[in-house]
Amino acid sequence: MTLDALAAEIASQAEAEAKAIVEAAQAEAKRIEEEARNEVSEVSSISSDKAERESAQLSVEVVASARQANQKRALIARREELDATWGTVKEEVGSPKMKGRKEILDSLVKEAGKSKSGMIMRPVSSDRASLSKSGFTMGEDIDGLGGFVLESKDGSTVLDFRFDFRLEAAWKTSLGEVNNILFGEK
């Protein structure tokens, strides 16, 4: 074999080997590319599913938060309405011109008459004139919507016959009915 033939043979083998290496590399590159595409598709699908779940969860949370905010506003509005109603009731009861005021005072004086003698009557200023004929010794005025307190001479005993205490008790007792009237529920 001649040198030229040997060189041609080596070149031919080298070319065949290079061609095989290139084909193997191309096949490997194609396999890697396909594997990468599959992995990207899988990651994309997982990310998309996760994003959809988070979006759905966020939607539920936003709706729940909005519902809670609405409930809070409704409760605040109800509270304001109840406070306004309570204020109106106290204003009415505290008015010296309230219908039936004299009868209520007469009833309280009759009830107070059962108390031990020697008590000093301390009236709410708006009721002083009506209560001055009660037979009790009159003391200084007190604050309140109406009525009076009886106080022992030494100040150790005080019996409260003011409208305030009785009105609060009546308000608490009838709060369910007030709610029903104002809001249609108990």
Protein backbone atom coordinates (compact mmCIF):
# COMPACT_ATOMS: atom_id res chain seq x y z
CA MET A 1 0.00 0.00 0.00
CA THR A 2 1.31 3.25 -0.87
CA LEU A 3 1.53 6.24 1.26
CA ASP A 4 -1.17 7.99 -0.68
CA ALA A 5 -3.45 5.01 -0.40
CA LEU A 6 -2.74 4.77 3.34
CA ALA A 7 -3.45 8.47 3.79
CA ALA A 8 -6.67 8.11 1.81
CA GLU A 9 -7.66 5.09 3.93
CA ILE A 10 -6.95 6.96 7.18
CA ALA A 11 -8.78 10.04 5.89
CA SER A 12 -11.74 7.86 4.86
CA GLN A 13 -11.86 6.16 8.28
CA ALA A 14 -11.45 9.50 10.05
CA GLU A 15 -14.23 10.97 7.93
CA ALA A 16 -16.49 7.99 8.68
CA GLU A 17 -15.67 8.25 12.40
CA ALA A 18 -16.28 12.02 12.37
CA LYS A 19 -19.56 11.45 10.54
CA ALA A 20 -20.60 8.85 13.17
CA ILE A 21 -19.61 11.22 16.01
CA VAL A 22 -21.56 14.09 14.40
CA GLU A 23 -24.62 11.85 13.91
CA ALA A 24 -24.38 10.62 17.52
CA ALA A 25 -23.98 14.21 18.74
CA GLN A 26 -26.98 15.31 16.67
CA ALA A 27 -29.06 12.43 18.03
CA GLU A 28 -27.95 13.27 21.60
CA ALA A 29 -28.74 16.97 21.01
CA LYS A 30 -32.16 16.03 19.67
CA ARG A 31 -32.79 13.79 22.69
CA ILE A 32 -31.66 16.54 25.11
CA GLU A 33 -33.81 19.10 23.29
CA GLU A 34 -36.86 16.82 23.47
CA GLU A 35 -36.21 16.09 27.15
CA ALA A 36 -35.90 19.84 27.82
CA ARG A 37 -39.16 20.52 25.95
CA ASN A 38 -40.94 17.82 27.98
CA GLU A 39 -39.51 19.23 31.23
CA VAL A 40 -40.52 22.79 30.26
CA SER A 41 -44.01 21.55 29.39
CA GLU A 42 -44.29 19.72 32.72
CA VAL A 43 -43.00 22.73 34.71
CA SER A 44 -45.32 25.02 32.75
CA SER A 45 -48.29 22.75 33.48
CA ILE A 46 -47.42 22.55 37.19
CA SER A 47 -46.97 26.33 37.35
CA SER A 48 -50.24 26.89 35.53
CA ASP A 49 -52.10 24.52 37.88
CA LYS A 50 -50.52 26.19 40.91
CA ALA A 51 -51.43 29.65 39.60
CA GLU A 52 -55.05 28.53 39.02
CA ARG A 53 -55.29 27.08 42.55
CA GLU A 54 -53.82 30.25 44.06
CA SER A 55 -56.16 32.37 41.97
CA ALA A 56 -59.18 30.33 43.10
CA GLN A 57 -58.02 30.54 46.74
CA LEU A 58 -57.47 34.28 46.44
CA SER A 59 -60.92 34.65 44.90
CA VAL A 60 -62.48 32.79 47.85
CA GLU A 61 -60.53 34.93 50.32
CA VAL A 62 -61.51 38.17 48.58
CA VAL A 63 -65.19 37.17 48.60
CA ALA A 64 -64.99 36.14 52.27
CA SER A 65 -63.23 39.39 53.15
CA ALA A 66 -65.83 41.45 51.29
CA ARG A 67 -68.64 39.53 52.99
CA GLN A 68 -67.03 40.11 56.38
CA ALA A 69 -66.58 43.83 55.64
CA ASN A 70 -70.25 44.06 54.64
CA GLN A 71 -71.32 42.29 57.83
CA LYS A 72 -69.16 44.64 59.87
CA ARG A 73 -70.69 47.70 58.16
CA ALA A 74 -74.18 46.31 58.77
CA LEU A 75 -73.40 45.69 62.44
CA ILE A 76 -71.98 49.19 62.82
CA ALA A 77 -75.07 50.66 61.14
CA ARG A 78 -77.30 48.63 63.46
CA ARG A 79 -75.31 49.73 66.47
CA GLU A 80 -75.62 53.37 65.39
CA GLU A 81 -79.37 52.94 64.91
CA LEU A 82 -79.75 51.31 68.33
CA ASP A 83 -77.67 54.09 69.93
CA ALA A 84 -79.81 56.73 68.21
CA THR A 85 -82.98 54.97 69.36
CA TRP A 86 -81.62 54.74 72.91
CA GLY A 87 -80.80 58.46 72.79
CA THR A 88 -84.32 59.28 71.61
CA VAL A 89 -85.86 57.13 74.34
CA LYS A 90 -83.73 58.81 77.02
CA GLU A 91 -84.67 62.22 75.63
CA GLU A 92 -88.37 61.35 75.77
CA VAL A 93 -88.17 59.94 79.29
CA GLY A 94 -86.08 62.89 80.46
CA SER A 95 -88.56 65.43 79.12
CA PRO A 96 -90.53 67.18 81.88
CA LYS A 97 -93.53 67.11 79.50
CA MET A 98 -93.51 63.31 79.10
CA LYS A 99 -97.05 61.94 79.14
CA GLY A 100 -97.74 60.02 82.35
CA ARG A 101 -94.75 61.49 84.21
CA LYS A 102 -96.83 62.58 87.24
CA GLU A 103 -98.40 59.12 87.55
CA ILE A 104 -94.95 57.49 87.44
CA LEU A 105 -93.66 59.86 90.13
CA ASP A 106 -96.74 59.22 92.30
CA SER A 107 -96.16 55.48 91.97
CA LEU A 108 -92.48 55.84 92.92
CA VAL A 109 -93.35 58.02 95.94
CA LYS A 110 -95.91 55.42 97.06
CA GLU A 111 -93.25 52.70 96.72
CA ALA A 112 -90.72 54.88 98.56
CA GLY A 113 -93.23 55.50 101.37
CA LYS A 114 -92.67 51.89 102.46
CA SER A 115 -89.04 52.78 103.24
CA LYS A 116 -87.98 53.61 106.73
CA SER A 117 -88.73 57.09 107.94
CA GLY A 118 -86.14 59.79 108.36
CA MET A 119 -84.94 59.53 104.76
CA ILE A 120 -84.08 62.61 102.74
CA MET A 121 -85.47 62.86 99.24
CA ARG A 122 -83.01 64.14 96.64
CA PRO A 123 -84.99 64.78 93.45
CA VAL A 124 -83.94 65.28 89.85
CA SER A 125 -84.32 69.03 89.40
CA SER A 126 -87.07 68.74 86.76
CA ASP A 127 -89.25 66.82 89.25
CA ARG A 128 -88.60 68.92 92.38
CA ALA A 129 -91.91 70.81 92.16
CA SER A 130 -93.97 67.61 91.77
CA LEU A 131 -92.10 65.82 94.56
CA SER A 132 -92.10 68.70 97.08
CA LYS A 133 -95.56 67.60 98.29
CA SER A 134 -94.40 64.02 98.96
CA GLY A 135 -93.98 64.43 102.70
CA PHE A 136 -90.24 63.65 102.61
CA THR A 137 -87.60 66.13 103.71
CA MET A 138 -86.10 67.55 100.51
CA GLY A 139 -82.36 67.53 99.90
CA GLU A 140 -80.14 68.74 97.07
CA ASP A 141 -80.93 67.98 93.44
CA ILE A 142 -79.30 65.03 91.68
CA ASP A 143 -78.60 64.24 88.04
CA GLY A 144 -80.92 61.97 86.14
CA LEU A 145 -83.77 61.67 83.67
CA GLY A 146 -86.38 61.93 86.41
CA GLY A 147 -87.36 60.64 89.81
CA PHE A 148 -85.36 60.81 93.02
CA VAL A 149 -83.17 58.98 95.50
CA LEU A 150 -83.84 58.49 99.18
CA GLU A 151 -80.79 58.91 101.35
CA SER A 152 -80.38 58.27 105.06
CA LYS A 153 -79.34 61.29 107.12
CA ASP A 154 -75.84 59.87 107.60
CA GLY A 155 -75.57 59.05 103.85
CA SER A 156 -74.92 55.34 104.49
CA THR A 157 -78.06 54.16 102.67
CA VAL A 158 -79.28 55.30 99.28
CA LEU A 159 -82.39 53.96 97.56
CA ASP A 160 -82.55 54.82 93.87
CA PHE A 161 -85.97 55.73 92.45
CA ARG A 162 -84.66 57.50 89.36
CA PHE A 163 -86.01 56.82 85.89
CA ASP A 164 -82.48 56.06 84.64
CA PHE A 165 -82.09 52.72 86.42
CA ARG A 166 -85.59 51.55 85.54
CA LEU A 167 -85.26 52.67 81.93
CA GLU A 168 -81.99 50.75 81.52
CA ALA A 169 -83.59 47.62 82.95
CA ALA A 170 -86.61 48.02 80.64
CA TRP A 171 -84.30 48.64 77.65
CA LYS A 172 -82.29 45.48 78.32
CA THR A 173 -85.46 43.46 78.79
CA SER A 174 -87.03 44.71 75.56
CA LEU A 175 -83.88 44.84 73.39
CA GLY A 176 -84.98 41.76 71.44
CA GLU A 177 -88.31 43.37 70.63
CA VAL A 178 -86.56 46.63 69.71
CA ASN A 179 -84.27 44.70 67.32
CA ASN A 180 -87.31 43.00 65.80
CA ILE A 181 -89.06 46.31 65.28
CA LEU A 182 -86.01 48.09 63.85
CA PHE A 183 -84.44 45.28 61.84
CA GLY A 184 -87.12 42.63 61.48
CA GLU A 185 -85.30 40.04 63.59
CA LYS A 186 -84.62 39.07 67.18
